[in-house]
């Protein structure tokens, strides 16, 4: 019964995510985009072992470790729990516990393989450019795999914190402190004593196993686990909906005061149809934390790429691509907001709506583009 419950949930999840994948990637996209991309990637990876590309010049080893550290904070451990499983809590408690243990082992194994693959992709640079030995590379791999597992276990415990401010403060503090400790320890161990990373990795595995097992045996977290399971199951579906202007978004049931424009007062004293649309979008945009986070995410990823990638011409290409993406994204958000069925006084082909769109795109994009452009100039200079 234990194994059949886990295998049934696993097959169900694979079938669901495969259906989501097929809804986005049809055979033409797979044939003309994915296969050529994989072939080109394999081709370049093969030649990296014999001829290191020039763009890696000046790329410090510490940034490789920072990249691995950032990757360790991605992902969560799922439970495959459903609301109907509350019946098992009354009669067969051990079934829920075994299911949580099985899913924990599955996702930790999967994320460990992902870290191993990432290090394998970076192996030509680690071995040929940074002159690391295989022992040092394997020690670094083992350390970051154990660190990944430890962070996954900590994330589960952080989810139990009710206060969002307390949870955010602890998460940010933990991220900064652990990142500083990791960068210092890994850099020193690679140069002096690589086996230290193995010993620290064993300690991290022990801490993960202890904290994770303790939480698995607690059934008071059942409601939280079910809520997170729903959110993680729909993760890729929500990512698709973000870029779709025709899908109605489900509002958040937790009502909180917005950070900006809490009071619904007029922005413009003199009002007309054009300024009414502008005011509508400005309030809807800045009151929605999702839009603000997406804008910050696009800008931060671009800024990080400008710092990391050495060639200036590639930096310029990334910056111009960033300009195009930001403006396209704002246009999508604008159309999504105005597609609400309550807005019936302005047609899609109305010149007022087009003028308001141009104004909004410039209003939102120019400040963030200017900031990223200033950072690019400072990097080049």
Protein backbone atom coordinates (compact mmCIF):
# COMPACT_ATOMS: atom_id res chain seq x y z
CA UNK A 1 0.00 0.00 0.00
CA UNK A 2 2.85 2.40 0.84
CA UNK A 3 4.66 1.93 -2.45
CA UNK A 4 1.46 1.86 -4.49
CA UNK A 5 0.30 5.18 -3.02
CA UNK A 6 3.60 6.89 -3.81
CA UNK A 7 3.89 5.38 -7.30
CA UNK A 8 0.28 6.32 -8.09
CA UNK A 9 0.83 9.93 -7.06
CA UNK A 10 4.11 10.04 -8.98
CA UNK A 11 2.56 8.73 -12.20
CA UNK A 12 -0.30 11.17 -11.79
CA UNK A 13 2.11 14.09 -11.36
CA UNK A 14 4.25 13.06 -14.34
CA UNK A 15 1.16 12.79 -16.52
CA UNK A 16 -0.08 16.20 -15.42
CA UNK A 17 3.24 18.00 -16.01
CA UNK A 18 3.67 16.21 -19.34
CA UNK A 19 0.29 17.53 -20.40
CA UNK A 20 1.36 21.05 -19.45
CA UNK A 21 4.57 20.62 -21.44
CA UNK A 22 2.74 19.39 -24.53
CA UNK A 23 0.32 22.31 -24.34
CA UNK A 24 3.25 24.70 -24.81
CA UNK A 25 5.79 22.73 -26.85
CA UNK A 26 4.30 20.99 -29.87
CA UNK A 27 6.25 18.82 -32.30
CA UNK A 28 7.20 21.74 -34.55
CA UNK A 29 8.78 23.70 -31.69
CA UNK A 30 10.53 20.57 -30.46
CA UNK A 31 11.80 19.73 -33.95
CA UNK A 32 12.93 23.18 -35.06
CA UNK A 33 13.98 24.73 -31.73
CA UNK A 34 14.77 22.15 -29.06
CA UNK A 35 16.67 19.62 -31.16
CA UNK A 36 18.91 22.23 -32.89
CA UNK A 37 19.55 23.90 -29.52
CA UNK A 38 20.57 20.58 -27.96
CA UNK A 39 22.77 19.72 -30.94
CA UNK A 40 24.51 23.11 -30.86
CA UNK A 41 24.99 22.84 -27.10
CA UNK A 42 26.53 19.37 -27.36
CA UNK A 43 28.77 20.56 -30.20
CA UNK A 44 30.14 23.51 -28.21
CA UNK A 45 30.48 21.44 -25.05
CA UNK A 46 32.59 18.89 -26.93
CA UNK A 47 35.03 21.57 -28.12
CA UNK A 48 35.20 23.21 -24.69
CA UNK A 49 37.29 20.25 -23.53
CA UNK A 50 39.96 20.97 -26.14
CA UNK A 51 39.61 24.71 -26.76
CA UNK A 52 38.44 27.06 -24.02
CA UNK A 53 36.35 29.96 -25.44
CA UNK A 54 37.67 33.48 -25.13
CA UNK A 55 34.64 34.82 -23.24
CA UNK A 56 35.68 32.90 -20.12
CA UNK A 57 38.82 35.06 -19.85
CA UNK A 58 38.67 37.22 -16.75
CA UNK A 59 35.83 35.20 -15.28
CA UNK A 60 36.82 34.62 -11.60
CA UNK A 61 36.37 31.21 -10.03
CA UNK A 62 34.41 32.75 -7.16
CA UNK A 63 31.57 33.61 -9.57
CA UNK A 64 31.29 29.92 -10.47
CA UNK A 65 30.76 29.15 -6.80
CA UNK A 66 28.24 32.00 -6.51
CA UNK A 67 26.34 30.55 -9.46
CA UNK A 68 26.20 27.15 -7.74
CA UNK A 69 25.11 28.79 -4.49
CA UNK A 70 22.25 30.61 -6.20
CA UNK A 71 21.19 27.34 -7.78
CA UNK A 72 21.07 25.74 -4.33
CA UNK A 73 18.24 28.10 -3.37
CA UNK A 74 16.05 27.03 -6.29
CA UNK A 75 13.30 24.48 -5.83
CA UNK A 76 11.35 22.92 -2.98
CA UNK A 77 10.56 19.50 -1.62
CA UNK A 78 7.04 18.45 -2.50
CA UNK A 79 4.81 16.02 -0.62
CA UNK A 80 2.13 14.90 -3.15
CA UNK A 81 -0.42 15.37 -0.36
CA UNK A 82 -4.07 16.05 -1.12
CA UNK A 83 -6.90 17.34 1.04
CA UNK A 84 -8.59 13.93 1.03
CA UNK A 85 -5.52 12.48 2.77
CA UNK A 86 -6.89 13.82 6.05
CA UNK A 87 -8.77 10.53 6.29
CA UNK A 88 -5.44 8.72 6.61
CA UNK A 89 -4.60 10.87 9.63
CA UNK A 90 -7.52 9.30 11.49
CA UNK A 91 -6.83 5.67 10.63
CA UNK A 92 -3.48 5.12 8.90
CA UNK A 93 -1.11 7.86 9.99
CA UNK A 94 1.95 5.93 8.82
CA UNK A 95 0.79 6.13 5.18
CA UNK A 96 1.12 9.92 5.18
CA UNK A 97 4.50 9.73 6.89
CA UNK A 98 5.80 7.16 4.38
CA UNK A 99 4.48 9.25 1.46
CA UNK A 100 6.30 12.35 2.74
CA UNK A 101 9.52 10.38 3.22
CA UNK A 102 9.31 8.93 -0.29
CA UNK A 103 8.71 12.32 -1.91
CA UNK A 104 11.53 13.85 0.13
CA UNK A 105 13.98 11.21 -1.06
CA UNK A 106 12.75 11.57 -4.65
CA UNK A 107 13.18 15.33 -4.85
CA UNK A 108 16.48 15.39 -2.99
CA UNK A 109 17.80 12.79 -5.43
CA UNK A 110 16.47 14.77 -8.39
CA UNK A 111 18.00 18.05 -7.23
CA UNK A 112 21.30 16.28 -6.48
CA UNK A 113 21.39 15.03 -10.06
CA UNK A 114 20.72 18.59 -11.28
CA UNK A 115 23.69 19.93 -9.27
CA UNK A 116 25.86 17.13 -10.62
CA UNK A 117 24.80 17.96 -14.20
CA UNK A 118 25.48 21.68 -13.67
CA UNK A 119 28.97 20.94 -12.37
CA UNK A 120 29.44 18.56 -15.30
CA UNK A 121 28.60 21.38 -17.71
CA UNK A 122 31.14 23.62 -15.96
CA UNK A 123 33.73 20.84 -15.76
CA UNK A 124 35.71 21.87 -18.90
CA UNK A 125 36.31 25.31 -17.39
CA UNK A 126 37.02 23.98 -13.91
CA UNK A 127 39.49 21.43 -15.20
CA UNK A 128 41.21 23.20 -18.11
CA UNK A 129 40.95 26.92 -17.29
CA UNK A 130 40.97 27.00 -13.47
CA UNK A 131 43.27 23.95 -13.23
CA UNK A 132 41.24 22.12 -10.60
CA UNK A 133 41.88 18.44 -10.04
CA UNK A 134 39.16 15.82 -10.23
CA UNK A 135 39.33 15.43 -6.44
CA UNK A 136 38.68 19.14 -5.97
CA UNK A 137 35.82 19.12 -8.49
CA UNK A 138 34.18 16.10 -6.85
CA UNK A 139 34.61 17.67 -3.41
CA UNK A 140 32.95 20.88 -4.59
CA UNK A 141 30.13 18.84 -6.15
CA UNK A 142 29.52 16.88 -2.96
CA UNK A 143 29.55 20.07 -0.88
CA UNK A 144 26.96 21.87 -3.01
CA UNK A 145 24.75 18.77 -3.25
CA UNK A 146 24.64 18.55 0.53
CA UNK A 147 24.14 22.32 0.79
CA UNK A 148 21.23 22.05 -1.63
CA UNK A 149 19.62 19.37 0.53
CA UNK A 150 20.17 21.40 3.71
CA UNK A 151 18.57 24.51 2.18
CA UNK A 152 15.61 22.46 0.96
CA UNK A 153 15.10 21.21 4.51
CA UNK A 154 15.36 24.71 5.95
CA UNK A 155 12.82 26.01 3.44
CA UNK A 156 10.28 23.53 4.77
CA UNK A 157 10.77 24.86 8.29
CA UNK A 158 10.63 28.47 7.10
CA UNK A 159 7.23 27.76 5.55
CA UNK A 160 5.86 27.14 9.04
CA UNK A 161 6.49 30.77 10.04
CA UNK A 162 3.19 32.64 9.97
CA UNK A 163 4.45 36.22 9.86
CA UNK A 164 5.60 37.12 6.30
CA UNK A 165 7.91 39.86 7.62
CA UNK A 166 9.62 37.49 10.06
CA UNK A 167 9.91 34.81 7.41
CA UNK A 168 11.34 37.28 4.89
CA UNK A 169 13.86 38.68 7.38
CA UNK A 170 15.08 35.22 8.41
CA UNK A 171 15.28 34.06 4.78
CA UNK A 172 17.27 37.09 3.61
CA UNK A 173 19.59 36.95 6.64
CA UNK A 174 20.16 33.24 6.14
CA UNK A 175 20.81 33.75 2.43
CA UNK A 176 23.43 36.46 3.04
CA UNK A 177 25.20 34.81 5.98
CA UNK A 178 25.28 31.35 4.42
CA UNK A 179 26.45 32.82 1.10
CA UNK A 180 29.35 34.65 2.76
CA UNK A 181 30.38 31.57 4.71
CA UNK A 182 30.13 29.37 1.62
CA UNK A 183 32.21 31.68 -0.59
CA UNK A 184 35.00 31.90 2.01
CA UNK A 185 35.08 28.20 2.89
CA UNK A 186 34.91 26.88 -0.67
CA UNK A 187 37.55 29.31 -1.97
CA UNK A 188 39.95 28.42 0.86
CA UNK A 189 39.31 24.67 0.71
CA UNK A 190 39.88 24.48 -3.05
CA UNK A 191 43.33 26.05 -2.64
CA UNK A 192 44.37 24.39 0.62
CA UNK A 193 42.43 21.27 1.61
CA UNK A 194 39.62 20.03 -0.65
CA UNK A 195 38.61 17.17 1.66
CA UNK A 196 37.36 19.78 4.13
CA UNK A 197 34.40 20.26 1.78
CA UNK A 198 33.60 16.56 2.04
CA UNK A 199 33.63 16.70 5.84
CA UNK A 200 31.42 19.80 5.90
CA UNK A 201 29.15 18.12 3.36
CA UNK A 202 28.68 15.14 5.67
CA UNK A 203 27.72 17.48 8.50
CA UNK A 204 25.22 19.24 6.21
CA UNK A 205 23.69 15.90 5.22
CA UNK A 206 23.31 14.99 8.89
CA UNK A 207 21.62 18.33 9.71
CA UNK A 208 19.29 17.98 6.75
CA UNK A 209 18.30 14.44 7.64
CA UNK A 210 17.67 15.34 11.27
CA UNK A 211 15.56 18.46 10.62
CA UNK A 212 13.69 16.90 7.70
CA UNK A 213 12.83 13.69 9.59
CA UNK A 214 11.61 15.72 12.55
CA UNK A 215 9.23 17.71 10.34
CA UNK A 216 7.98 14.64 8.47
CA UNK A 217 6.80 13.08 11.72
CA UNK A 218 4.79 16.22 12.53
CA UNK A 219 1.25 16.02 11.18
CA UNK A 220 0.28 19.48 12.42
CA UNK A 221 1.81 20.89 9.23
CA UNK A 222 -0.63 18.99 7.02
CA UNK A 223 -2.70 22.03 5.96
CA UNK A 224 0.43 24.01 5.10
CA UNK A 225 1.85 21.10 3.11
CA UNK A 226 -1.37 20.76 1.09
CA UNK A 227 -1.40 24.50 0.37
CA UNK A 228 2.23 24.47 -0.81
CA UNK A 229 1.62 21.34 -2.87
CA UNK A 230 -1.16 23.08 -4.78
CA UNK A 231 1.06 26.08 -5.40
CA UNK A 232 4.06 24.02 -6.58
CA UNK A 233 1.94 21.77 -8.78
CA UNK A 234 0.64 24.79 -10.69
CA UNK A 235 4.05 26.49 -10.85
CA UNK A 236 4.61 25.97 -14.57
CA UNK A 237 0.97 26.64 -15.42
CA UNK A 238 1.17 30.04 -13.70
CA UNK A 239 4.40 30.77 -15.58
CA UNK A 240 2.52 30.21 -18.83
CA UNK A 241 -0.41 32.37 -17.71
CA UNK A 242 1.90 35.26 -16.85
CA UNK A 243 2.55 35.84 -20.56
CA UNK A 244 -1.02 35.20 -21.65
CA UNK A 245 -3.34 38.19 -21.94
CA UNK A 246 -6.38 36.00 -22.57
CA UNK A 247 -6.30 34.00 -19.32
CA UNK A 248 -8.11 35.50 -16.39
CA UNK A 249 -5.92 35.54 -13.27
CA UNK A 250 -7.31 34.27 -9.99
CA UNK A 251 -7.00 37.01 -7.38
CA UNK A 252 -5.20 36.38 -4.13
CA UNK A 253 -7.63 35.52 -1.38
CA UNK A 254 -5.41 37.07 1.30
CA UNK A 255 -6.34 40.74 1.31
CA UNK A 256 -3.46 43.02 2.23
CA UNK A 257 -3.00 46.74 1.78
CA UNK A 258 -0.89 47.55 -1.29
CA UNK A 259 2.46 49.25 -0.85
CA UNK A 260 1.61 52.03 -3.31
CA UNK A 261 -1.62 53.99 -3.81
CA UNK A 262 -3.35 52.57 -0.76
CA UNK A 263 -5.97 55.29 -0.91
CA UNK A 264 -7.91 55.42 -4.16
CA UNK A 265 -7.38 59.11 -4.82
CA UNK A 266 -7.05 60.73 -8.21
CA UNK A 267 -3.56 61.06 -9.68
CA UNK A 268 -4.55 63.68 -12.26
CA UNK A 269 -6.64 66.69 -11.30
CA UNK A 270 -7.75 67.33 -14.87
CA UNK A 271 -9.32 64.12 -16.15
CA UNK A 272 -10.08 62.86 -19.62
CA UNK A 273 -10.29 59.44 -21.28
CA UNK A 274 -6.56 59.26 -21.92
CA UNK A 275 -5.54 60.18 -18.38
CA UNK A 276 -8.20 57.88 -16.93
CA UNK A 277 -6.61 54.91 -18.70
CA UNK A 278 -3.17 56.02 -17.57
CA UNK A 279 -4.33 56.32 -13.97
CA UNK A 280 -6.03 52.93 -14.15
CA UNK A 281 -2.89 51.19 -15.34
CA UNK A 282 -0.53 52.98 -12.93
CA UNK A 283 -2.62 52.01 -9.91
CA UNK A 284 -3.18 48.43 -11.11
CA UNK A 285 0.52 47.99 -11.88
CA UNK A 286 1.98 49.38 -8.66
CA UNK A 287 -0.63 47.76 -6.45
CA UNK A 288 0.17 44.31 -7.84
CA UNK A 289 3.26 42.82 -6.20
CA UNK A 290 3.53 40.22 -8.95
CA UNK A 291 4.13 42.84 -11.62
CA UNK A 292 6.68 44.66 -9.46
CA UNK A 293 8.51 41.41 -8.71
CA UNK A 294 8.59 40.42 -12.38
CA UNK A 295 10.03 43.82 -13.35
CA UNK A 296 12.65 43.52 -10.60
CA UNK A 297 13.43 39.95 -11.64
CA UNK A 298 13.98 40.85 -15.31
CA UNK A 299 16.18 43.80 -14.37
CA UNK A 300 18.21 41.92 -11.74
CA UNK A 301 18.92 38.97 -14.05
CA UNK A 302 20.05 41.34 -16.79
CA UNK A 303 22.26 43.28 -14.36
CA UNK A 304 23.84 40.07 -13.10
CA UNK A 305 24.55 39.00 -16.69
CA UNK A 306 26.19 42.37 -17.40
CA UNK A 307 28.52 41.86 -14.44
CA UNK A 308 29.33 38.22 -15.17
CA UNK A 309 29.86 38.12 -18.95
CA UNK A 310 33.23 39.72 -19.86
CA UNK A 311 33.01 40.72 -23.57
CA UNK A 312 31.67 44.25 -24.03
CA UNK A 313 29.88 43.44 -27.29
CA UNK A 314 27.90 40.68 -25.58
CA UNK A 315 27.02 43.09 -22.76
CA UNK A 316 25.63 45.53 -25.34
CA UNK A 317 23.58 42.79 -27.03
CA UNK A 318 22.15 41.76 -23.66
CA UNK A 319 21.26 45.38 -22.86
CA UNK A 320 19.47 45.96 -26.17
CA UNK A 321 17.66 42.65 -25.74
CA UNK A 322 16.66 43.79 -22.26
CA UNK A 323 15.15 46.98 -23.71
CA UNK A 324 13.04 44.98 -26.17
CA UNK A 325 11.90 42.47 -23.53
CA UNK A 326 10.94 45.12 -20.97
CA UNK A 327 8.88 47.14 -23.43
CA UNK A 328 7.15 44.01 -24.79
CA UNK A 329 6.41 42.83 -21.26
CA UNK A 330 4.85 46.17 -20.29
CA UNK A 331 2.66 46.07 -23.40
CA UNK A 332 1.47 42.57 -22.43
CA UNK A 333 0.66 43.74 -18.90
CA UNK A 334 -1.16 46.79 -20.28
CA UNK A 335 -3.34 44.69 -22.57
CA UNK A 336 -3.97 42.21 -19.78
CA UNK A 337 -5.20 44.90 -17.39
CA UNK A 338 -7.40 46.56 -20.00
CA UNK A 339 -8.84 43.21 -21.12
CA UNK A 340 -10.98 43.13 -17.97
CA UNK A 341 -14.65 42.90 -18.87
CA UNK A 342 -15.44 45.89 -16.63
CA UNK A 343 -13.57 48.19 -19.02
CA UNK A 344 -16.07 48.58 -21.84
CA UNK A 345 -15.82 52.25 -22.69
CA UNK A 346 -12.68 52.00 -24.85
CA UNK A 347 -12.29 49.82 -27.92
CA UNK A 348 -9.02 48.06 -28.74
CA UNK A 349 -8.58 50.12 -31.90
CA UNK A 350 -9.41 53.42 -30.22
CA UNK A 351 -6.70 56.06 -30.70
CA UNK A 352 -7.04 57.03 -27.02
CA UNK A 353 -6.11 53.53 -25.94
CA UNK A 354 -3.10 53.48 -28.28
CA UNK A 355 -1.88 56.84 -27.00
CA UNK A 356 -2.24 55.72 -23.40
CA UNK A 357 -0.29 52.55 -24.20
CA UNK A 358 2.65 54.53 -25.64
CA UNK A 359 2.68 56.81 -22.62
CA UNK A 360 2.57 53.92 -20.13
CA UNK A 361 5.31 51.93 -21.89
CA UNK A 362 7.64 54.94 -21.77
CA UNK A 363 6.66 55.82 -18.20
CA UNK A 364 7.50 52.37 -16.80
CA UNK A 365 10.35 51.32 -19.08
CA UNK A 366 12.49 54.46 -19.27
CA UNK A 367 13.39 54.65 -15.54
CA UNK A 368 14.41 50.98 -15.26
CA UNK A 369 16.21 51.03 -18.61
CA UNK A 370 18.09 54.15 -17.53
CA UNK A 371 19.20 52.50 -14.28
CA UNK A 372 20.42 49.34 -16.03
CA UNK A 373 22.07 51.47 -18.74
CA UNK A 374 23.90 53.51 -16.10
CA UNK A 375 25.14 50.28 -14.51
CA UNK A 376 26.36 49.12 -17.92
CA UNK A 377 28.29 52.37 -18.43
CA UNK A 378 29.90 52.08 -14.99
CA UNK A 379 30.90 48.46 -15.72
CA UNK A 380 32.47 49.36 -19.06
CA UNK A 381 34.28 52.40 -17.68
